[in-house]
Amino acid sequence: MGFPTVTNEARYISPLRYGDTVNCTLWISEVGNSSCTWEYLFQNQNGDDVWRATVVTVCVNMDTIEPEPIPDGLKADLLACAEPE
């Protein structure tokens, strides 16, 4: 089983400066039958958004590279990683 990326979208919102501290928040925004959507938010030390990305991965059989359902146990774990409050 593997999870290759099928869609990747990124937005660069503002520049980071030398010496900035970068904080990354990562969460799962959607879990389908065989796909999963990951969200990334990078902020500087002031809490200003500097970069945001959405990545969609698909569960595949690594021998055939054909999609397959995400196993129930893994699906539950992914669903537990919903957007932070």
PDB file of N, CA and C in Angstrom:
ATOM      1  N   MET A   1       0.845  -1.168   0.000  1.00  0.00           N
ATOM      2  CA  MET A   1       0.000   0.000   0.000  1.00  0.00           C
ATOM      3  C   MET A   1       0.893   1.234   0.000  1.00  0.00           C
ATOM      4  N   GLY A   2       0.487   2.224  -0.782  1.00  0.00           N
ATOM      5  CA  GLY A   2       1.180   3.502  -0.814  1.00  0.00           C
ATOM      6  C   GLY A   2       0.183   4.622  -1.016  1.00  0.00           C
ATOM      7  N   PHE A   3       0.637   5.845  -0.840  1.00  0.00           N
ATOM      8  CA  PHE A   3      -0.226   7.029  -0.980  1.00  0.00           C
ATOM      9  C   PHE A   3       0.438   8.083  -1.855  1.00  0.00           C
ATOM     10  N   PRO A   4       0.538   7.838  -3.168  1.00  0.00           N
ATOM     11  CA  PRO A   4       1.143   8.859  -4.023  1.00  0.00           C
ATOM     12  C   PRO A   4       0.249  10.100  -4.139  1.00  0.00           C
ATOM     13  N   THR A   5       0.881  11.221  -4.380  1.00  0.00           N
ATOM     14  CA  THR A   5       0.177  12.484  -4.565  1.00  0.00           C
ATOM     15  C   THR A   5      -0.412  12.550  -5.970  1.00  0.00           C
ATOM     16  N   VAL A   6      -1.683  12.969  -6.058  1.00  0.00           N
ATOM     17  CA  VAL A   6      -2.334  13.127  -7.358  1.00  0.00           C
ATOM     18  C   VAL A   6      -2.664  14.585  -7.654  1.00  0.00           C
ATOM     19  N   THR A   7      -2.733  15.420  -6.612  1.00  0.00           N
ATOM     20  CA  THR A   7      -2.978  16.859  -6.779  1.00  0.00           C
ATOM     21  C   THR A   7      -2.173  17.601  -5.724  1.00  0.00           C
ATOM     22  N   ASN A   8      -1.541  18.694  -6.142  1.00  0.00           N
ATOM     23  CA  ASN A   8      -0.762  19.499  -5.214  1.00  0.00           C
ATOM     24  C   ASN A   8      -0.969  20.963  -5.578  1.00  0.00           C
ATOM     25  N   GLU A   9      -1.531  21.739  -4.670  1.00  0.00           N
ATOM     26  CA  GLU A   9      -1.756  23.172  -4.884  1.00  0.00           C
ATOM     27  C   GLU A   9      -1.108  23.939  -3.740  1.00  0.00           C
ATOM     28  N   ALA A  10      -0.362  24.981  -4.067  1.00  0.00           N
ATOM     29  CA  ALA A  10       0.299  25.783  -3.039  1.00  0.00           C
ATOM     30  C   ALA A  10       0.123  27.263  -3.334  1.00  0.00           C
ATOM     31  N   ARG A  11       0.032  28.048  -2.262  1.00  0.00           N
ATOM     32  CA  ARG A  11      -0.032  29.514  -2.369  1.00  0.00           C
ATOM     33  C   ARG A  11       1.040  30.110  -1.473  1.00  0.00           C
ATOM     34  N   TYR A  12       1.825  30.961  -2.044  1.00  0.00           N
ATOM     35  CA  TYR A  12       2.819  31.694  -1.272  1.00  0.00           C
ATOM     36  C   TYR A  12       2.195  33.044  -0.947  1.00  0.00           C
ATOM     37  N   ILE A  13       1.983  33.296   0.334  1.00  0.00           N
ATOM     38  CA  ILE A  13       1.191  34.439   0.772  1.00  0.00           C
ATOM     39  C   ILE A  13       2.063  35.651   1.091  1.00  0.00           C
ATOM     40  N   SER A  14       3.154  35.432   1.804  1.00  0.00           N
ATOM     41  CA  SER A  14       4.084  36.518   2.105  1.00  0.00           C
ATOM     42  C   SER A  14       5.466  35.914   2.347  1.00  0.00           C
ATOM     43  N   PRO A  15       6.508  36.717   2.188  1.00  0.00           N
ATOM     44  CA  PRO A  15       7.865  36.165   2.309  1.00  0.00           C
ATOM     45  C   PRO A  15       8.250  35.876   3.755  1.00  0.00           C
ATOM     46  N   LEU A  16       9.101  34.872   3.895  1.00  0.00           N
ATOM     47  CA  LEU A  16       9.787  34.645   5.166  1.00  0.00           C
ATOM     48  C   LEU A  16      11.090  35.433   5.119  1.00  0.00           C
ATOM     49  N   ARG A  17      11.500  35.931   6.250  1.00  0.00           N
ATOM     50  CA  ARG A  17      12.740  36.698   6.321  1.00  0.00           C
ATOM     51  C   ARG A  17      13.777  35.889   7.095  1.00  0.00           C
ATOM     52  N   TYR A  18      15.037  36.146   6.814  1.00  0.00           N
ATOM     53  CA  TYR A  18      16.109  35.462   7.518  1.00  0.00           C
ATOM     54  C   TYR A  18      15.926  35.637   9.018  1.00  0.00           C
ATOM     55  N   GLY A  19      15.950  34.534   9.744  1.00  0.00           N
ATOM     56  CA  GLY A  19      15.780  34.567  11.195  1.00  0.00           C
ATOM     57  C   GLY A  19      14.348  34.342  11.657  1.00  0.00           C
ATOM     58  N   ASP A  20      13.377  34.341  10.735  1.00  0.00           N
ATOM     59  CA  ASP A  20      11.989  34.062  11.120  1.00  0.00           C
ATOM     60  C   ASP A  20      11.870  32.637  11.658  1.00  0.00           C
ATOM     61  N   THR A  21      10.936  32.463  12.556  1.00  0.00           N
ATOM     62  CA  THR A  21      10.565  31.139  13.034  1.00  0.00           C
ATOM     63  C   THR A  21       9.336  30.709  12.254  1.00  0.00           C
ATOM     64  N   VAL A  22       9.356  29.483  11.744  1.00  0.00           N
ATOM     65  CA  VAL A  22       8.240  28.975  10.950  1.00  0.00           C
ATOM     66  C   VAL A  22       7.485  27.936  11.770  1.00  0.00           C
ATOM     67  N   ASN A  23       6.177  28.122  11.864  1.00  0.00           N
ATOM     68  CA  ASN A  23       5.311  27.161  12.535  1.00  0.00           C
ATOM     69  C   ASN A  23       4.425  26.506  11.475  1.00  0.00           C
ATOM     70  N   CYS A  24       4.388  25.164  11.481  1.00  0.00           N
ATOM     71  CA  CYS A  24       3.594  24.428  10.507  1.00  0.00           C
ATOM     72  C   CYS A  24       2.433  23.730  11.201  1.00  0.00           C
ATOM     73  N   THR A  25       1.242  23.903  10.650  1.00  0.00           N
ATOM     74  CA  THR A  25       0.066  23.173  11.106  1.00  0.00           C
ATOM     75  C   THR A  25      -0.370  22.274   9.960  1.00  0.00           C
ATOM     76  N   LEU A  26      -0.579  21.001  10.243  1.00  0.00           N
ATOM     77  CA  LEU A  26      -0.964  20.010   9.250  1.00  0.00           C
ATOM     78  C   LEU A  26      -2.216  19.309   9.739  1.00  0.00           C
ATOM     79  N   TRP A  27      -3.219  19.189   8.848  1.00  0.00           N
ATOM     80  CA  TRP A  27      -4.433  18.481   9.209  1.00  0.00           C
ATOM     81  C   TRP A  27      -5.038  17.822   7.985  1.00  0.00           C
ATOM     82  N   ILE A  28      -5.985  16.936   8.225  1.00  0.00           N
ATOM     83  CA  ILE A  28      -6.708  16.229   7.168  1.00  0.00           C
ATOM     84  C   ILE A  28      -8.060  16.910   7.000  1.00  0.00           C
ATOM     85  N   SER A  29      -8.370  17.356   5.772  1.00  0.00           N
ATOM     86  CA  SER A  29      -9.647  18.041   5.556  1.00  0.00           C
ATOM     87  C   SER A  29     -10.711  17.122   4.967  1.00  0.00           C
ATOM     88  N   GLU A  30     -10.295  16.007   4.375  1.00  0.00           N
ATOM     89  CA  GLU A  30     -11.281  15.095   3.785  1.00  0.00           C
ATOM     90  C   GLU A  30     -10.673  13.710   3.638  1.00  0.00           C
ATOM     91  N   VAL A  31     -11.478  12.694   3.937  1.00  0.00           N
ATOM     92  CA  VAL A  31     -11.078  11.308   3.724  1.00  0.00           C
ATOM     93  C   VAL A  31     -12.189  10.640   2.927  1.00  0.00           C
ATOM     94  N   GLY A  32     -11.847  10.174   1.737  1.00  0.00           N
ATOM     95  CA  GLY A  32     -12.814   9.480   0.892  1.00  0.00           C
ATOM     96  C   GLY A  32     -12.623   7.985   0.964  1.00  0.00           C
ATOM     97  N   ASN A  33     -13.175   7.279  -0.004  1.00  0.00           N
ATOM     98  CA  ASN A  33     -13.022   5.828  -0.046  1.00  0.00           C
ATOM     99  C   ASN A  33     -11.560   5.428  -0.255  1.00  0.00           C
ATOM    100  N   SER A  34     -10.884   6.102  -1.188  1.00  0.00           N
ATOM    101  CA  SER A  34      -9.484   5.772  -1.450  1.00  0.00           C
ATOM    102  C   SER A  34      -8.568   6.997  -1.442  1.00  0.00           C
ATOM    103  N   SER A  35      -9.123   8.187  -1.243  1.00  0.00           N
ATOM    104  CA  SER A  35      -8.298   9.396  -1.265  1.00  0.00           C
ATOM    105  C   SER A  35      -8.315  10.119   0.077  1.00  0.00           C
ATOM    106  N   CYS A  36      -7.314  10.961   0.250  1.00  0.00           N
ATOM    107  CA  CYS A  36      -7.167  11.719   1.495  1.00  0.00           C
ATOM    108  C   CYS A  36      -6.616  13.098   1.128  1.00  0.00           C
ATOM    109  N   THR A  37      -7.179  14.159   1.722  1.00  0.00           N
ATOM    110  CA  THR A  37      -6.737  15.523   1.451  1.00  0.00           C
ATOM    111  C   THR A  37      -6.025  16.081   2.679  1.00  0.00           C
ATOM    112  N   TRP A  38      -4.790  16.488   2.476  1.00  0.00           N
ATOM    113  CA  TRP A  38      -3.916  17.035   3.519  1.00  0.00           C
ATOM    114  C   TRP A  38      -3.838  18.542   3.346  1.00  0.00           C
ATOM    115  N   GLU A  39      -3.907  19.276   4.439  1.00  0.00           N
ATOM    116  CA  GLU A  39      -3.798  20.737   4.415  1.00  0.00           C
ATOM    117  C   GLU A  39      -2.579  21.154   5.233  1.00  0.00           C
ATOM    118  N   TYR A  40      -1.816  22.099   4.697  1.00  0.00           N
ATOM    119  CA  TYR A  40      -0.635  22.620   5.369  1.00  0.00           C
ATOM    120  C   TYR A  40      -0.772  24.133   5.491  1.00  0.00           C
ATOM    121  N   LEU A  41      -0.421  24.661   6.659  1.00  0.00           N
ATOM    122  CA  LEU A  41      -0.386  26.106   6.862  1.00  0.00           C
ATOM    123  C   LEU A  41       0.912  26.447   7.571  1.00  0.00           C
ATOM    124  N   PHE A  42       1.719  27.297   6.936  1.00  0.00           N
ATOM    125  CA  PHE A  42       2.956  27.777   7.548  1.00  0.00           C
ATOM    126  C   PHE A  42       2.731  29.224   7.960  1.00  0.00           C
ATOM    127  N   GLN A  43       3.132  29.534   9.197  1.00  0.00           N
ATOM    128  CA  GLN A  43       3.006  30.893   9.724  1.00  0.00           C
ATOM    129  C   GLN A  43       4.345  31.317  10.313  1.00  0.00           C
ATOM    130  N   ASN A  44       4.587  32.631  10.321  1.00  0.00           N
ATOM    131  CA  ASN A  44       5.807  33.127  10.966  1.00  0.00           C
ATOM    132  C   ASN A  44       5.566  33.295  12.469  1.00  0.00           C
ATOM    133  N   GLN A  45       6.568  33.778  13.160  1.00  0.00           N
ATOM    134  CA  GLN A  45       6.504  33.915  14.617  1.00  0.00           C
ATOM    135  C   GLN A  45       5.427  34.894  15.080  1.00  0.00           C
ATOM    136  N   ASN A  46       4.918  35.741  14.194  1.00  0.00           N
ATOM    137  CA  ASN A  46       3.856  36.684  14.537  1.00  0.00           C
ATOM    138  C   ASN A  46       2.467  36.124  14.259  1.00  0.00           C
ATOM    139  N   GLY A  47       2.414  34.876  13.745  1.00  0.00           N
ATOM    140  CA  GLY A  47       1.132  34.275  13.412  1.00  0.00           C
ATOM    141  C   GLY A  47       0.617  34.667  12.040  1.00  0.00           C
ATOM    142  N   ASP A  48       1.463  35.336  11.236  1.00  0.00           N
ATOM    143  CA  ASP A  48       1.069  35.726   9.877  1.00  0.00           C
ATOM    144  C   ASP A  48       1.199  34.521   8.950  1.00  0.00           C
ATOM    145  N   ASP A  49       0.177  34.271   8.138  1.00  0.00           N
ATOM    146  CA  ASP A  49       0.238  33.196   7.153  1.00  0.00           C
ATOM    147  C   ASP A  49       1.286  33.533   6.102  1.00  0.00           C
ATOM    148  N   VAL A  50       2.158  32.562   5.799  1.00  0.00           N
ATOM    149  CA  VAL A  50       3.168  32.792   4.763  1.00  0.00           C
ATOM    150  C   VAL A  50       3.059  31.784   3.612  1.00  0.00           C
ATOM    151  N   TRP A  51       2.514  30.607   3.874  1.00  0.00           N
ATOM    152  CA  TRP A  51       2.410  29.581   2.827  1.00  0.00           C
ATOM    153  C   TRP A  51       1.282  28.631   3.190  1.00  0.00           C
ATOM    154  N   ARG A  52       0.524  28.222   2.185  1.00  0.00           N
ATOM    155  CA  ARG A  52      -0.580  27.296   2.410  1.00  0.00           C
ATOM    156  C   ARG A  52      -0.598  26.301   1.250  1.00  0.00           C
ATOM    157  N   ALA A  53      -0.885  25.037   1.548  1.00  0.00           N
ATOM    158  CA  ALA A  53      -0.927  24.020   0.498  1.00  0.00           C
ATOM    159  C   ALA A  53      -2.014  22.997   0.782  1.00  0.00           C
ATOM    160  N   THR A  54      -2.522  22.408  -0.304  1.00  0.00           N
ATOM    161  CA  THR A  54      -3.478  21.310  -0.250  1.00  0.00           C
ATOM    162  C   THR A  54      -2.901  20.188  -1.108  1.00  0.00           C
ATOM    163  N   VAL A  55      -2.825  18.995  -0.534  1.00  0.00           N
ATOM    164  CA  VAL A  55      -2.262  17.841  -1.236  1.00  0.00           C
ATOM    165  C   VAL A  55      -3.261  16.691  -1.145  1.00  0.00           C
ATOM    166  N   VAL A  56      -3.607  16.122  -2.296  1.00  0.00           N
ATOM    167  CA  VAL A  56      -4.504  14.966  -2.333  1.00  0.00           C
ATOM    168  C   VAL A  56      -3.669  13.733  -2.653  1.00  0.00           C
ATOM    169  N   THR A  57      -3.803  12.709  -1.813  1.00  0.00           N
ATOM    170  CA  THR A  57      -3.130  11.441  -2.048  1.00  0.00           C
ATOM    171  C   THR A  57      -4.181  10.355  -2.244  1.00  0.00           C
ATOM    172  N   VAL A  58      -3.783   9.283  -2.931  1.00  0.00           N
ATOM    173  CA  VAL A  58      -4.695   8.165  -3.178  1.00  0.00           C
ATOM    174  C   VAL A  58      -4.045   6.880  -2.708  1.00  0.00           C
ATOM    175  N   CYS A  59      -4.809   6.087  -1.991  1.00  0.00           N
ATOM    176  CA  CYS A  59      -4.343   4.779  -1.530  1.00  0.00           C
ATOM    177  C   CYS A  59      -4.281   3.842  -2.736  1.00  0.00           C
ATOM    178  N   VAL A  60      -3.100   3.264  -2.978  1.00  0.00           N
ATOM    179  CA  VAL A  60      -2.942   2.358  -4.116  1.00  0.00           C
ATOM    180  C   VAL A  60      -2.234   1.078  -3.693  1.00  0.00           C
ATOM    181  N   ASN A  61      -2.440   0.035  -4.471  1.00  0.00           N
ATOM    182  CA  ASN A  61      -1.664  -1.188  -4.373  1.00  0.00           C
ATOM    183  C   ASN A  61      -0.342  -0.891  -5.068  1.00  0.00           C
ATOM    184  N   MET A  62       0.776  -0.999  -4.366  1.00  0.00           N
ATOM    185  CA  MET A  62       2.069  -0.613  -4.929  1.00  0.00           C
ATOM    186  C   MET A  62       2.545  -1.554  -6.032  1.00  0.00           C
ATOM    187  N   ASP A  63       1.992  -2.753  -6.100  1.00  0.00           N
ATOM    188  CA  ASP A  63       2.373  -3.665  -7.187  1.00  0.00           C
ATOM    189  C   ASP A  63       1.685  -3.296  -8.493  1.00  0.00           C
ATOM    190  N   THR A  64       0.441  -2.847  -8.396  1.00  0.00           N
ATOM    191  CA  THR A  64      -0.339  -2.551  -9.602  1.00  0.00           C
ATOM    192  C   THR A  64      -0.552  -1.056  -9.826  1.00  0.00           C
ATOM    193  N   ILE A  65      -0.318  -0.254  -8.816  1.00  0.00           N
ATOM    194  CA  ILE A  65      -0.594   1.187  -8.811  1.00  0.00           C
ATOM    195  C   ILE A  65      -2.070   1.468  -9.108  1.00  0.00           C
ATOM    196  N   GLU A  66      -2.919   0.547  -8.736  1.00  0.00           N
ATOM    197  CA  GLU A  66      -4.365   0.724  -8.870  1.00  0.00           C
ATOM    198  C   GLU A  66      -4.929   1.196  -7.532  1.00  0.00           C
ATOM    199  N   PRO A  67      -5.907   2.118  -7.554  1.00  0.00           N
ATOM    200  CA  PRO A  67      -6.516   2.574  -6.302  1.00  0.00           C
ATOM    201  C   PRO A  67      -7.166   1.421  -5.542  1.00  0.00           C
ATOM    202  N   GLU A  68      -7.122   1.537  -4.226  1.00  0.00           N
ATOM    203  CA  GLU A  68      -7.816   0.578  -3.371  1.00  0.00           C
ATOM    204  C   GLU A  68      -8.367   1.329  -2.174  1.00  0.00           C
ATOM    205  N   PRO A  69      -9.386   0.780  -1.531  1.00  0.00           N
ATOM    206  CA  PRO A  69      -9.970   1.469  -0.373  1.00  0.00           C
ATOM    207  C   PRO A  69      -8.957   1.633   0.756  1.00  0.00           C
ATOM    208  N   ILE A  70      -9.063   2.764   1.444  1.00  0.00           N
ATOM    209  CA  ILE A  70      -8.235   2.980   2.634  1.00  0.00           C
ATOM    210  C   ILE A  70      -8.735   2.003   3.703  1.00  0.00           C
ATOM    211  N   PRO A  71      -7.839   1.217   4.324  1.00  0.00           N
ATOM    212  CA  PRO A  71      -8.271   0.290   5.379  1.00  0.00           C
ATOM    213  C   PRO A  71      -8.999   1.034   6.502  1.00  0.00           C
ATOM    214  N   ASP A  72     -10.043   0.391   7.052  1.00  0.00           N
ATOM    215  CA  ASP A  72     -10.902   1.033   8.056  1.00  0.00           C
ATOM    216  C   ASP A  72     -10.124   1.609   9.236  1.00  0.00           C
ATOM    217  N   GLY A  73      -9.166   0.870   9.773  1.00  0.00           N
ATOM    218  CA  GLY A  73      -8.396   1.361  10.920  1.00  0.00           C
ATOM    219  C   GLY A  73      -7.615   2.614  10.583  1.00  0.00           C
ATOM    220  N   LEU A  74      -6.988   2.630   9.418  1.00  0.00           N
ATOM    221  CA  LEU A  74      -6.234   3.802   8.978  1.00  0.00           C
ATOM    222  C   LEU A  74      -7.175   4.967   8.686  1.00  0.00           C
ATOM    223  N   LYS A  75      -8.320   4.660   8.102  1.00  0.00           N
ATOM    224  CA  LYS A  75      -9.310   5.705   7.809  1.00  0.00           C
ATOM    225  C   LYS A  75      -9.750   6.404   9.101  1.00  0.00           C
ATOM    226  N   ALA A  76      -9.982   5.632  10.147  1.00  0.00           N
ATOM    227  CA  ALA A  76     -10.380   6.211  11.434  1.00  0.00           C
ATOM    228  C   ALA A  76      -9.273   7.107  11.990  1.00  0.00           C
ATOM    229  N   ASP A  77      -8.019   6.666  11.867  1.00  0.00           N
ATOM    230  CA  ASP A  77      -6.899   7.482  12.344  1.00  0.00           C
ATOM    231  C   ASP A  77      -6.776   8.783  11.554  1.00  0.00           C
ATOM    232  N   LEU A  78      -6.975   8.709  10.245  1.00  0.00           N
ATOM    233  CA  LEU A  78      -6.912   9.913   9.420  1.00  0.00           C
ATOM    234  C   LEU A  78      -8.048  10.875   9.774  1.00  0.00           C
ATOM    235  N   LEU A  79      -9.236  10.354   9.971  1.00  0.00           N
ATOM    236  CA  LEU A  79     -10.377  11.185  10.342  1.00  0.00           C
ATOM    237  C   LEU A  79     -10.153  11.884  11.693  1.00  0.00           C
ATOM    238  N   ALA A  80      -9.365  11.261  12.553  1.00  0.00           N
ATOM    239  CA  ALA A  80      -9.081  11.854  13.862  1.00  0.00           C
ATOM    240  C   ALA A  80      -8.141  13.068  13.743  1.00  0.00           C
ATOM    241  N   CYS A  81      -7.574  13.289  12.568  1.00  0.00           N
ATOM    242  CA  CYS A  81      -6.646  14.408  12.338  1.00  0.00           C
ATOM    243  C   CYS A  81      -7.335  15.554  11.613  1.00  0.00           C
ATOM    244  N   ALA A  82      -8.555  15.826  11.983  1.00  0.00           N
ATOM    245  CA  ALA A  82      -9.341  16.898  11.344  1.00  0.00           C
ATOM    246  C   ALA A  82      -8.741  18.260  11.683  1.00  0.00           C
ATOM    247  N   GLU A  83      -9.240  19.291  11.009  1.00  0.00           N
ATOM    248  CA  GLU A  83      -8.740  20.659  11.190  1.00  0.00           C
ATOM    249  C   GLU A  83      -8.708  21.061  12.658  1.00  0.00           C
ATOM    250  N   PRO A  84      -7.586  21.650  13.070  1.00  0.00           N
ATOM    251  CA  PRO A  84      -7.473  22.093  14.476  1.00  0.00           C
ATOM    252  C   PRO A  84      -8.415  23.266  14.750  1.00  0.00           C
ATOM    253  N   GLU A  85      -8.773  23.412  15.993  1.00  0.00           N
ATOM    254  CA  GLU A  85      -9.659  24.510  16.404  1.00  0.00           C
ATOM    255  C   GLU A  85      -8.890  25.792  16.566  1.00  0.00           C
TER     256      GLU A  85
END
